[in-house]
Amino acid sequence: MAALLAIASWINWIIALDELPLRTEGLFPVDLNAAMSADLASVTRHLTIRITWGLSGIGFSLVSLAAIVISVHAITSCFREVASQVRPAGALLIATCVLLFGLIAGFGAEYILSEPAATTALRAGSIRPTWFRHAIDADAAFDKVSYLVFLLLAAAASATLLRPVEPGKPVELLRRRISRLQAILFVGAAALAVRAIEMYLFYRWPAAWLIGNDAQSVNEIALNVSTAYGAFYTGILASIYLPTAFLLRSLAAALAEQMVTDKPEQRDRWLKKAGLHLLPLQEFTHLLVILAPLIAGGPLAKVIGTFSG
């Protein structure tokens, strides 16, 4: 994850999205509120964007809540399996790593993936002067929730690597840890995928006041931004899931070596019987889940934009 943040910050510095301003004088109607209901086409555009963004906001709120609950449950479940004298050290180690990431994300988010100056200008000239400026506050709150989801996913994944206190049940414990990690992956990917769609719909909102090439340009900007964030979210998921899954897979392989010492060729069969072996289809499914935010912020968002006008 540290490598991802460093690379993202470096690329963000090179492309300098916040150094590409946009002048919006004369782009939007003088009376924004009156323009919303100027004709049937305008009413349709505004009605569509309000409903689609509202649904995505509700969806992200619910799925992120599920991600938070499942992550907290995974953390507490893993700590219950650890010896009481080891828990403080494990908690301190996880908290230190998570806090470090939280500080970096909280104070350096604009350097990791800064918002384009053009989208800020578009919002300032359209949404902010109207009642719907509250949507800007809601989107900012969604940003904070996204970082909270990052932190809890990282903490939950780290907790699955804590050494359990029940040495007599290694297979059951390892199976539970793998199951928790997969649950973390699926719910985290769902939350970040919905967030990528919400961002697309939010950033294309100013297009509701525009027609023709100007509206198309705003849609393209929104799609580019949501794709970028989707790629970043996919990187976050990959940096959390893949190293943890590799370590748990290594523990499973070591356990198979202990259980099947005389016939190495039988170890794969033992892993399958113990429920610790992933089939190729399962591995492909996990890859698609990791890519879900990128797919949602790019191709899926484009489809949604096409059907929602």
Protein backbone atom coordinates (compact mmCIF):
# COMPACT_ATOMS: atom_id res chain seq x y z
CA MET A 1 0.00 0.00 0.00
CA ALA A 2 2.86 2.37 0.74
CA ALA A 3 4.21 1.77 -2.76
CA LEU A 4 0.78 2.51 -4.24
CA LEU A 5 0.49 5.80 -2.36
CA ALA A 6 4.01 6.84 -3.35
CA ILE A 7 3.44 6.05 -7.03
CA ALA A 8 0.03 7.75 -7.04
CA SER A 9 1.53 10.88 -5.47
CA TRP A 10 4.34 10.94 -8.03
CA ILE A 11 1.96 10.55 -11.00
CA ASN A 12 -0.41 13.10 -9.50
CA TRP A 13 2.46 15.58 -9.25
CA ILE A 14 3.40 15.00 -12.89
CA ILE A 15 -0.07 15.38 -14.41
CA ALA A 16 -0.94 18.37 -12.16
CA LEU A 17 -4.72 18.19 -12.52
CA ASP A 18 -5.19 21.09 -10.12
CA GLU A 19 -3.14 23.32 -12.42
CA LEU A 20 -5.60 23.12 -15.33
CA PRO A 21 -8.20 25.83 -14.56
CA LEU A 22 -11.49 26.37 -16.35
CA ARG A 23 -13.27 29.69 -16.83
CA THR A 24 -17.02 29.18 -16.56
CA GLU A 25 -18.19 32.74 -17.25
CA GLY A 26 -21.09 32.54 -19.71
CA LEU A 27 -21.11 28.75 -19.65
CA PHE A 28 -24.12 28.36 -17.35
CA PRO A 29 -27.45 30.23 -17.30
CA VAL A 30 -27.60 33.38 -15.20
CA ASP A 31 -30.65 32.12 -13.30
CA LEU A 32 -29.73 28.53 -12.49
CA ASN A 33 -32.94 27.76 -10.60
CA ALA A 34 -35.20 29.03 -13.37
CA ALA A 35 -33.18 27.13 -15.99
CA MET A 36 -33.92 23.82 -14.26
CA SER A 37 -37.59 24.02 -15.30
CA ALA A 38 -37.24 26.06 -18.49
CA ASP A 39 -38.57 23.23 -20.66
CA LEU A 40 -39.39 19.52 -20.58
CA ALA A 41 -35.90 18.47 -21.68
CA SER A 42 -34.28 20.47 -18.87
CA VAL A 43 -36.67 19.09 -16.28
CA THR A 44 -35.90 15.57 -17.49
CA ARG A 45 -32.15 16.08 -17.27
CA HIS A 46 -32.31 17.48 -13.74
CA LEU A 47 -34.79 14.87 -12.57
CA THR A 48 -32.61 12.08 -13.95
CA ILE A 49 -29.38 13.32 -12.38
CA ARG A 50 -31.02 13.91 -9.00
CA ILE A 51 -32.56 10.44 -8.88
CA THR A 52 -29.49 8.58 -10.14
CA TRP A 53 -27.11 10.41 -7.82
CA GLY A 54 -29.50 9.99 -4.90
CA LEU A 55 -29.75 6.25 -5.49
CA SER A 56 -25.97 5.92 -5.72
CA GLY A 57 -25.59 7.93 -2.50
CA ILE A 58 -28.04 5.65 -0.69
CA GLY A 59 -26.32 2.60 -2.12
CA PHE A 60 -22.87 3.73 -1.02
CA SER A 61 -24.13 4.60 2.47
CA LEU A 62 -25.66 1.15 2.94
CA VAL A 63 -22.82 -0.87 1.43
CA SER A 64 -20.13 1.12 3.26
CA LEU A 65 -22.02 0.53 6.51
CA ALA A 66 -21.97 -3.18 5.73
CA ALA A 67 -18.22 -2.97 5.01
CA ILE A 68 -17.62 -1.24 8.33
CA VAL A 69 -19.68 -3.78 10.29
CA ILE A 70 -18.09 -6.81 8.59
CA SER A 71 -14.58 -5.39 9.02
CA VAL A 72 -15.14 -4.72 12.73
CA HIS A 73 -16.61 -8.20 13.15
CA ALA A 74 -13.58 -9.75 11.42
CA ILE A 75 -11.20 -7.79 13.65
CA THR A 76 -12.95 -8.75 16.88
CA SER A 77 -13.32 -12.39 15.79
CA CYS A 78 -9.62 -12.69 14.99
CA PHE A 79 -8.61 -11.09 18.27
CA ARG A 80 -10.80 -13.52 20.21
CA GLU A 81 -8.70 -16.32 18.71
CA VAL A 82 -5.46 -14.77 19.96
CA ALA A 83 -3.95 -15.29 23.41
CA SER A 84 -4.88 -12.48 25.79
CA GLN A 85 -1.25 -11.63 26.54
CA VAL A 86 -0.54 -11.18 22.82
CA ARG A 87 -3.57 -9.02 22.03
CA PRO A 88 -2.10 -5.67 23.16
CA ALA A 89 0.99 -6.12 20.99
CA GLY A 90 -1.08 -7.17 17.99
CA ALA A 91 -3.52 -4.32 18.46
CA LEU A 92 -0.67 -1.82 18.81
CA LEU A 93 1.03 -3.05 15.65
CA ILE A 94 -2.15 -2.94 13.58
CA ALA A 95 -3.21 0.41 15.04
CA THR A 96 0.20 1.92 14.28
CA CYS A 97 0.11 0.85 10.63
CA VAL A 98 -3.51 1.91 10.18
CA LEU A 99 -2.93 5.23 11.93
CA LEU A 100 0.06 5.93 9.70
CA PHE A 101 -2.04 5.27 6.61
CA GLY A 102 -4.85 7.39 8.08
CA LEU A 103 -2.54 10.33 8.65
CA ILE A 104 -1.15 10.06 5.14
CA ALA A 105 -4.62 9.81 3.63
CA GLY A 106 -6.08 12.51 5.83
CA PHE A 107 -3.39 15.14 5.39
CA GLY A 108 -1.98 14.13 2.02
CA ALA A 109 -5.06 13.09 0.06
CA GLU A 110 -4.80 16.10 -2.24
CA TYR A 111 -1.22 15.07 -3.10
CA ILE A 112 -2.14 11.43 -3.69
CA LEU A 113 -5.07 12.04 -6.05
CA SER A 114 -6.04 15.68 -6.31
CA GLU A 115 -9.32 16.88 -7.76
CA PRO A 116 -9.06 18.60 -11.15
CA ALA A 117 -9.46 22.36 -11.02
CA ALA A 118 -11.96 22.06 -13.87
CA THR A 119 -14.45 20.01 -11.82
CA THR A 120 -14.17 22.46 -8.92
CA ALA A 121 -14.93 25.33 -11.28
CA LEU A 122 -17.87 23.49 -12.84
CA ARG A 123 -19.39 22.86 -9.41
CA ALA A 124 -18.81 26.46 -8.34
CA GLY A 125 -20.66 27.72 -11.41
CA SER A 126 -23.60 25.33 -11.23
CA ILE A 127 -24.36 23.31 -8.11
CA ARG A 128 -22.93 25.52 -5.36
CA PRO A 129 -25.16 28.60 -5.92
CA THR A 130 -28.30 26.41 -5.71
CA TRP A 131 -30.05 24.40 -3.02
CA PHE A 132 -28.15 21.35 -4.21
CA ARG A 133 -24.93 22.65 -2.68
CA HIS A 134 -25.79 20.19 0.09
CA ALA A 135 -24.84 17.44 -2.38
CA ILE A 136 -21.30 18.84 -2.29
CA ASP A 137 -21.25 18.43 1.50
CA ALA A 138 -22.61 14.89 1.16
CA ASP A 139 -19.94 13.96 -1.38
CA ALA A 140 -17.26 15.34 0.95
CA ALA A 141 -18.69 13.17 3.73
CA PHE A 142 -18.56 10.17 1.39
CA ASP A 143 -14.85 10.90 0.92
CA LYS A 144 -14.29 10.58 4.66
CA VAL A 145 -16.34 7.38 4.81
CA SER A 146 -14.25 5.94 1.96
CA TYR A 147 -11.06 6.54 3.93
CA LEU A 148 -12.65 4.95 7.00
CA VAL A 149 -13.49 1.90 4.89
CA PHE A 150 -9.85 1.80 3.69
CA LEU A 151 -8.59 1.84 7.26
CA LEU A 152 -10.95 -0.83 8.52
CA LEU A 153 -10.32 -3.11 5.54
CA ALA A 154 -6.58 -2.85 6.13
CA ALA A 155 -6.99 -3.50 9.86
CA ALA A 156 -9.30 -6.47 9.28
CA ALA A 157 -6.96 -8.02 6.71
CA SER A 158 -4.02 -7.57 9.09
CA ALA A 159 -6.01 -9.18 11.91
CA THR A 160 -6.42 -12.37 9.87
CA LEU A 161 -2.65 -12.84 10.09
CA LEU A 162 -2.52 -12.84 13.90
CA ARG A 163 -1.28 -16.12 15.33
CA PRO A 164 -4.22 -17.99 16.90
CA VAL A 165 -4.18 -19.46 20.41
CA GLU A 166 -5.83 -22.79 19.50
CA PRO A 167 -3.00 -24.90 18.03
CA GLY A 168 -5.22 -27.98 18.08
CA LYS A 169 -7.56 -26.67 15.39
CA PRO A 170 -5.29 -25.22 12.72
CA VAL A 171 -7.43 -26.23 9.73
CA GLU A 172 -10.66 -24.78 11.08
CA LEU A 173 -8.94 -21.58 12.18
CA LEU A 174 -7.18 -21.07 8.87
CA ARG A 175 -10.39 -21.78 6.97
CA ARG A 176 -12.19 -19.15 9.04
CA ARG A 177 -9.43 -16.62 8.44
CA ILE A 178 -9.57 -17.18 4.68
CA SER A 179 -13.36 -16.91 4.74
CA ARG A 180 -13.16 -13.60 6.62
CA LEU A 181 -10.61 -12.23 4.20
CA GLN A 182 -12.84 -13.11 1.27
CA ALA A 183 -15.82 -11.45 2.95
CA ILE A 184 -13.71 -8.34 3.50
CA LEU A 185 -12.71 -8.33 -0.16
CA PHE A 186 -16.26 -8.71 -1.49
CA VAL A 187 -17.90 -6.11 0.73
CA GLY A 188 -15.00 -3.67 0.34
CA ALA A 189 -15.08 -4.01 -3.44
CA ALA A 190 -18.85 -3.46 -3.46
CA ALA A 191 -18.54 -0.29 -1.38
CA LEU A 192 -15.75 1.18 -3.51
CA ALA A 193 -17.47 0.23 -6.77
CA VAL A 194 -20.65 2.03 -5.75
CA ARG A 195 -18.53 4.97 -4.62
CA ALA A 196 -16.92 5.17 -8.07
CA ILE A 197 -20.38 5.29 -9.69
CA GLU A 198 -21.52 7.94 -7.21
CA MET A 199 -18.52 10.06 -8.10
CA TYR A 200 -19.29 9.80 -11.81
CA LEU A 201 -22.89 10.88 -11.31
CA PHE A 202 -21.83 13.69 -8.98
CA TYR A 203 -19.18 15.09 -11.32
CA ARG A 204 -21.52 15.00 -14.33
CA TRP A 205 -24.25 16.92 -12.48
CA PRO A 206 -23.25 20.32 -14.00
CA ALA A 207 -24.04 18.88 -17.45
CA ALA A 208 -27.74 19.06 -16.55
CA TRP A 209 -27.58 22.82 -17.22
CA LEU A 210 -25.83 22.32 -20.56
CA ILE A 211 -26.57 20.86 -23.97
CA GLY A 212 -24.56 19.73 -26.98
CA ASN A 213 -20.78 19.63 -26.91
CA ASP A 214 -20.52 21.39 -23.56
CA ALA A 215 -22.65 18.74 -21.86
CA GLN A 216 -20.66 16.01 -23.58
CA SER A 217 -17.40 17.53 -22.38
CA VAL A 218 -18.61 17.55 -18.78
CA ASN A 219 -19.66 13.91 -19.13
CA GLU A 220 -16.21 13.00 -20.44
CA ILE A 221 -14.52 14.83 -17.56
CA ALA A 222 -16.74 13.02 -15.05
CA LEU A 223 -15.97 9.66 -16.66
CA ASN A 224 -12.23 10.32 -16.60
CA VAL A 225 -12.34 11.29 -12.92
CA SER A 226 -14.44 8.28 -11.88
CA THR A 227 -12.16 5.96 -13.88
CA ALA A 228 -9.09 7.41 -12.13
CA TYR A 229 -10.64 6.95 -8.71
CA GLY A 230 -11.84 3.48 -9.65
CA ALA A 231 -8.28 2.54 -10.62
CA PHE A 232 -7.00 3.93 -7.31
CA TYR A 233 -9.63 2.00 -5.35
CA THR A 234 -8.69 -1.18 -7.23
CA GLY A 235 -5.08 -0.57 -6.26
CA ILE A 236 -6.13 -0.18 -2.61
CA LEU A 237 -8.02 -3.47 -2.72
CA ALA A 238 -5.14 -5.26 -4.41
CA SER A 239 -2.61 -3.92 -1.89
CA ILE A 240 -4.81 -5.10 1.00
CA TYR A 241 -6.00 -8.46 -0.31
CA LEU A 242 -3.20 -9.93 -2.40
CA PRO A 243 -0.35 -9.87 0.19
CA THR A 244 -2.69 -11.15 2.90
CA ALA A 245 -4.05 -13.92 0.68
CA PHE A 246 -0.50 -14.91 -0.29
CA LEU A 247 0.53 -15.21 3.36
CA LEU A 248 -2.56 -17.21 4.27
CA ARG A 249 -1.97 -19.44 1.24
CA SER A 250 1.62 -19.96 2.44
CA LEU A 251 0.34 -20.96 5.88
CA ALA A 252 -2.01 -23.45 4.22
CA ALA A 253 0.85 -24.91 2.17
CA ALA A 254 3.01 -25.22 5.29
CA LEU A 255 0.13 -26.92 7.08
CA ALA A 256 -0.24 -29.37 4.19
CA GLU A 257 3.46 -30.22 4.43
CA GLN A 258 3.03 -31.02 8.12
CA MET A 259 -0.04 -33.17 7.54
CA VAL A 260 1.22 -35.01 4.45
CA THR A 261 4.93 -35.67 4.92
CA ASP A 262 5.45 -38.84 2.92
CA LYS A 263 3.53 -38.08 -0.30
CA PRO A 264 4.05 -34.51 -1.55
CA GLU A 265 1.81 -35.15 -4.56
CA GLN A 266 -1.10 -35.71 -2.16
CA ARG A 267 -0.86 -32.24 -0.61
CA ASP A 268 -3.12 -30.57 -3.15
CA ARG A 269 -5.73 -33.25 -2.53
CA TRP A 270 -5.43 -32.66 1.21
CA LEU A 271 -5.85 -28.90 0.72
CA LYS A 272 -9.00 -29.46 -1.34
CA LYS A 273 -10.41 -31.84 1.25
CA ALA A 274 -9.62 -29.36 4.03
CA GLY A 275 -11.30 -26.52 2.12
CA LEU A 276 -8.05 -24.55 1.84
CA HIS A 277 -7.55 -24.85 -1.90
CA LEU A 278 -8.89 -22.27 -4.33
CA LEU A 279 -10.12 -23.46 -7.70
CA PRO A 280 -9.09 -21.51 -10.82
CA LEU A 281 -12.65 -20.17 -11.16
CA GLN A 282 -12.55 -18.85 -7.59
CA GLU A 283 -9.23 -17.14 -8.22
CA PHE A 284 -10.63 -15.55 -11.39
CA THR A 285 -13.68 -14.39 -9.43
CA HIS A 286 -11.45 -12.75 -6.86
CA LEU A 287 -9.53 -10.98 -9.63
CA LEU A 288 -12.79 -9.62 -11.05
CA VAL A 289 -13.84 -8.47 -7.59
CA ILE A 290 -10.57 -6.58 -7.16
CA LEU A 291 -11.17 -4.92 -10.54
CA ALA A 292 -14.79 -4.04 -9.66
CA PRO A 293 -14.14 -0.38 -8.70
CA LEU A 294 -12.22 0.21 -11.94
CA ILE A 295 -14.93 -1.48 -13.99
CA ALA A 296 -17.63 0.47 -12.17
CA GLY A 297 -15.88 3.83 -12.54
CA GLY A 298 -15.08 3.26 -16.21
CA PRO A 299 -17.12 0.97 -18.50
CA LEU A 300 -20.12 0.62 -16.18
CA ALA A 301 -20.30 4.36 -15.52
CA LYS A 302 -20.21 4.98 -19.26
CA VAL A 303 -23.14 2.60 -19.76
CA ILE A 304 -25.06 4.31 -16.99
CA GLY A 305 -24.35 7.69 -18.55
CA THR A 306 -25.56 6.47 -21.92
CA PHE A 307 -28.88 5.19 -20.62
CA SER A 308 -29.46 8.09 -18.21
CA GLY A 309 -28.85 10.71 -20.90
